[in-house]
Protein backbone atom coordinates (compact mmCIF):
# COMPACT_ATOMS: atom_id res chain seq x y z
CA MET A 1 0.00 0.00 0.00
CA THR A 2 2.80 2.42 0.91
CA LEU A 3 4.75 1.62 -2.25
CA ALA A 4 1.67 2.16 -4.45
CA THR A 5 0.78 5.46 -2.74
CA VAL A 6 4.27 6.94 -3.04
CA LEU A 7 4.62 5.67 -6.60
CA ARG A 8 1.31 7.22 -7.63
CA ARG A 9 2.22 10.52 -5.95
CA ASP A 10 5.61 10.76 -7.65
CA LEU A 11 4.18 9.90 -11.06
CA LEU A 12 1.52 12.59 -10.67
CA LEU A 13 4.20 15.11 -9.71
CA ALA A 14 6.22 14.09 -12.76
CA LEU A 15 3.18 14.70 -14.96
CA ARG A 16 2.75 18.16 -13.46
CA GLN A 17 6.44 18.90 -14.01
CA ARG A 18 6.59 17.55 -17.55
CA ALA A 19 9.23 20.09 -18.54
CA ASP A 20 11.83 18.45 -16.28
CA VAL A 21 11.14 15.00 -17.72
CA PHE A 22 11.10 16.36 -21.26
CA ASN A 23 14.42 18.14 -20.73
CA THR A 24 16.08 14.90 -19.60
CA LEU A 25 14.82 12.96 -22.61
CA LEU A 26 15.69 15.83 -24.95
CA PHE A 27 19.21 15.89 -23.53
CA PHE A 28 19.54 12.16 -24.21
CA LEU A 29 18.30 12.60 -27.76
CA VAL A 30 20.52 15.62 -28.49
CA VAL A 31 23.69 13.95 -27.18
CA VAL A 32 23.14 10.90 -29.38
CA THR A 33 22.15 12.79 -32.51
CA MET A 34 25.09 15.22 -32.26
CA VAL A 35 27.66 12.42 -32.49
CA PRO A 36 27.20 11.70 -36.24
CA LEU A 37 27.80 15.39 -36.92
CA GLY A 38 31.16 15.13 -35.19
CA VAL A 39 32.45 11.77 -36.47
CA GLY A 40 31.07 11.90 -39.99
CA PRO A 41 28.40 9.97 -41.91
CA GLU A 42 30.36 6.75 -42.51
CA LEU A 43 27.92 3.95 -41.66
CA GLU A 44 30.50 1.43 -40.50
CA THR A 45 31.95 3.88 -38.00
CA LEU A 46 28.50 4.83 -36.73
CA ARG A 47 27.52 1.18 -36.27
CA ARG A 48 30.70 0.52 -34.32
CA ILE A 49 30.33 3.41 -31.90
CA ALA A 50 26.52 3.38 -31.57
CA PRO A 51 26.23 1.10 -28.49
CA GLY A 52 28.74 3.11 -26.49
CA VAL A 53 27.28 6.45 -27.56
CA ILE A 54 23.70 5.49 -26.65
CA TRP A 55 24.74 4.01 -23.31
CA VAL A 56 26.89 7.03 -22.38
CA ALA A 57 24.01 9.35 -23.28
CA ALA A 58 21.62 7.25 -21.15
CA LEU A 59 24.08 7.39 -18.25
CA LEU A 60 24.44 11.18 -18.49
CA ALA A 61 20.68 11.66 -18.79
CA ALA A 62 20.18 9.55 -15.66
CA ILE A 63 22.67 11.73 -13.76
CA LEU A 64 20.96 14.88 -15.01
CA SER A 65 17.62 13.72 -13.61
CA LEU A 66 18.91 12.68 -10.16
CA ASN A 67 18.90 16.15 -8.67
CA ARG A 68 15.11 16.27 -8.54
CA LEU A 69 14.72 12.81 -6.97
CA PHE A 70 14.61 14.04 -3.35
CA ALA A 71 15.28 17.79 -3.64
CA ASN A 72 11.65 18.95 -3.92
CA ASP A 73 10.50 16.75 -1.05
CA TYR A 74 13.41 18.04 1.04
CA ALA A 75 12.61 21.68 0.25
CA ASP A 76 8.89 21.52 1.12
CA GLY A 77 9.23 19.32 4.21
CA THR A 78 7.59 16.24 2.68
CA LEU A 79 10.72 14.16 3.17
CA GLU A 80 10.79 14.93 6.87
CA GLN A 81 7.17 13.82 7.17
CA MET A 82 8.01 10.59 5.37
CA LEU A 83 10.72 9.92 7.93
CA LEU A 84 8.23 10.47 10.76
CA THR A 85 5.37 8.35 9.40
CA GLY A 86 6.70 5.09 10.79
CA GLU A 87 6.45 3.44 7.39
CA PRO A 88 9.55 1.50 6.25
CA LEU A 89 11.81 4.11 4.68
CA PRO A 90 13.49 1.60 2.30
CA LEU A 91 10.04 0.85 0.88
CA ILE A 92 9.33 4.55 0.38
CA VAL A 93 12.62 5.19 -1.42
CA MET A 94 12.09 2.06 -3.51
CA ALA A 95 8.81 3.54 -4.75
CA LYS A 96 10.52 6.85 -5.54
CA CYS A 97 13.28 5.07 -7.47
CA LEU A 98 10.68 3.07 -9.40
CA ALA A 99 8.86 6.28 -10.32
CA HIS A 100 12.17 7.81 -11.43
CA TRP A 101 12.86 4.80 -13.65
CA LEU A 102 9.36 4.88 -15.16
CA VAL A 103 9.74 8.52 -16.24
CA THR A 104 13.42 8.33 -17.22
CA GLY A 105 14.81 4.83 -17.78
CA LEU A 106 11.78 3.35 -19.52
CA PRO A 107 11.35 6.21 -22.07
CA ILE A 108 15.09 6.07 -22.81
CA THR A 109 14.79 2.33 -23.44
CA LEU A 110 11.89 2.88 -25.85
CA MET A 111 13.70 5.71 -27.65
CA ALA A 112 16.71 3.44 -28.20
CA TRP A 113 14.87 1.64 -31.01
CA LEU A 114 14.65 4.82 -33.07
CA LEU A 115 18.26 5.73 -32.34
CA GLY A 116 19.42 2.23 -33.28
CA VAL A 117 17.72 2.63 -36.64
CA MET A 118 19.36 6.03 -37.04
CA PHE A 119 22.79 4.41 -36.55
CA SER A 120 21.88 1.62 -39.00
CA LEU A 121 22.24 -1.12 -36.40
CA PRO A 122 20.94 -4.55 -37.46
CA PRO A 123 17.62 -5.62 -35.92
CA ASP A 124 19.18 -8.17 -33.55
CA ALA A 125 21.62 -5.55 -32.23
CA ILE A 126 18.75 -3.09 -31.67
CA ALA A 127 16.84 -5.75 -29.77
CA ILE A 128 19.83 -6.47 -27.52
CA LEU A 129 20.37 -2.73 -27.04
CA MET A 130 16.81 -2.32 -25.77
CA VAL A 131 17.05 -5.39 -23.54
CA SER A 132 20.35 -4.19 -22.09
CA LEU A 133 18.85 -0.77 -21.32
CA LEU A 134 15.79 -2.42 -19.82
CA LEU A 135 18.00 -4.49 -17.53
CA GLY A 136 20.61 -1.83 -16.79
CA THR A 137 18.70 1.42 -16.32
CA PRO A 138 17.10 0.30 -13.01
CA ALA A 139 20.62 0.02 -11.60
CA LEU A 140 21.33 3.57 -12.80
CA SER A 141 18.28 4.90 -10.93
CA LEU A 142 19.01 2.98 -7.72
CA ILE A 143 22.75 3.68 -7.58
CA GLY A 144 22.17 7.30 -8.52
CA ALA A 145 19.60 7.66 -5.74
CA VAL A 146 22.28 6.78 -3.20
CA GLY A 147 24.37 9.70 -4.45
CA ALA A 148 21.33 12.00 -4.51
CA ALA A 149 20.53 11.10 -0.89
CA LEU A 150 24.12 11.63 0.28
CA THR A 151 24.37 15.09 -1.31
CA LEU A 152 20.89 16.25 -0.32
CA GLY A 153 20.88 19.87 0.81
CA LEU A 154 24.55 20.45 0.01
CA ARG A 155 25.72 23.38 -2.08
CA GLY A 156 26.86 22.16 -5.49
CA GLY A 157 25.06 18.88 -4.97
CA GLY A 158 24.70 18.25 -8.71
CA VAL A 159 28.45 18.17 -9.22
CA LEU A 160 28.95 15.99 -6.14
CA ILE A 161 26.34 13.49 -7.38
CA THR A 162 28.26 13.14 -10.63
CA LEU A 163 31.56 12.56 -8.83
CA LEU A 164 29.99 9.99 -6.52
CA VAL A 165 27.96 7.89 -8.93
CA LEU A 166 29.96 8.07 -12.15
CA PRO A 167 32.57 5.48 -11.06
CA LEU A 168 29.76 3.18 -9.87
CA TYR A 169 28.05 3.45 -13.26
CA VAL A 170 31.10 2.17 -15.13
CA PRO A 171 30.29 -1.60 -14.82
CA VAL A 172 26.75 -1.00 -16.08
CA LEU A 173 28.12 0.99 -19.02
CA ILE A 174 30.72 -1.65 -19.90
CA PHE A 175 28.36 -4.61 -19.89
CA GLY A 176 25.48 -2.68 -21.47
CA ALA A 177 27.48 -1.50 -24.46
CA GLY A 178 29.50 -4.73 -24.55
CA GLY A 179 26.41 -6.87 -25.06
CA VAL A 180 25.41 -4.96 -28.18
CA GLU A 181 28.97 -5.01 -29.52
CA ALA A 182 29.11 -8.77 -28.95
CA VAL A 183 25.99 -9.34 -31.05
CA ALA A 184 27.30 -7.02 -33.76
CA GLY A 185 30.46 -9.16 -33.83
CA GLY A 186 28.52 -12.41 -34.17
CA LEU A 187 28.90 -13.47 -30.51
CA SER A 188 26.36 -14.16 -27.78
CA ALA A 189 25.28 -11.34 -25.47
CA GLN A 190 23.88 -13.68 -22.83
CA GLY A 191 26.75 -13.19 -20.38
CA HIS A 192 26.55 -9.40 -20.58
CA LEU A 193 22.78 -9.43 -20.07
CA LEU A 194 23.06 -11.77 -17.09
CA VAL A 195 25.59 -9.46 -15.44
CA LEU A 196 23.34 -6.45 -16.09
CA GLY A 197 20.40 -8.28 -14.55
CA ALA A 198 22.54 -9.24 -11.55
CA LEU A 199 23.68 -5.63 -11.08
CA SER A 200 20.10 -4.35 -11.12
CA LEU A 201 18.92 -7.15 -8.84
CA GLY A 202 21.74 -6.47 -6.40
CA ALA A 203 20.97 -2.75 -6.46
CA THR A 204 17.27 -3.49 -5.84
CA VAL A 205 18.14 -5.49 -2.73
CA LEU A 206 20.88 -3.29 -1.27
CA ALA A 207 20.37 0.28 -2.53
CA PRO A 208 17.07 1.08 -0.71
CA TRP A 209 18.74 0.44 2.66
CA ALA A 210 21.74 2.55 1.71
CA ILE A 211 19.46 5.34 0.44
CA ALA A 212 17.39 5.25 3.64
CA ALA A 213 20.54 5.50 5.78
CA ALA A 214 21.89 8.35 3.63
CA LEU A 215 18.60 10.27 3.90
CA ARG A 216 18.60 9.97 7.69
CA ILE A 217 22.17 11.28 7.78
CA SER A 218 21.31 14.16 5.44
CA MET A 219 18.27 15.13 7.51
CA GLU A 220 20.16 15.29 10.80
């Protein structure tokens, strides 16, 4: 019940603040579409760099959206009330991370199909790209939420979030892009996808407790 209530609330707030969500997705789209202008129109080159470019853009877009994860609730006192309700805080933050993924990670995953076509990726590579994003972007939201909670209320928090979470995002980036590159090279992407799933599953189990602890520290 708590998870559903918080999830519904955050999704409604995201709908009311559509500009923030749109800006994140527009940033993702602009970063990816600017690359061909810089490297040239050669299809073979674009196919080779496409997985890494799309994954890096997804990673940066996720970081860009982290600042609003807890900041508004902190500013208006809602976060303090959540801490005082007696409801399990890890469950509350899990709902907030799920809402963040639904308005950021899921649209990015769906947009990847169009971007894969733009880079002339073969259909099987596009499919693996979307599956890798579907498996990997939850880890981006959960790991990023830890950084957002630790830097809550600090001056220059956006820069600190980037410094904290960027090294932790590297394994997700490597295995996400590597799976697509493996398929493009005629190999199996199963190992890469399994690792991505394990990273997201591990983050789902461990990150809510870390986020809850970080929020309590930030609120003291």
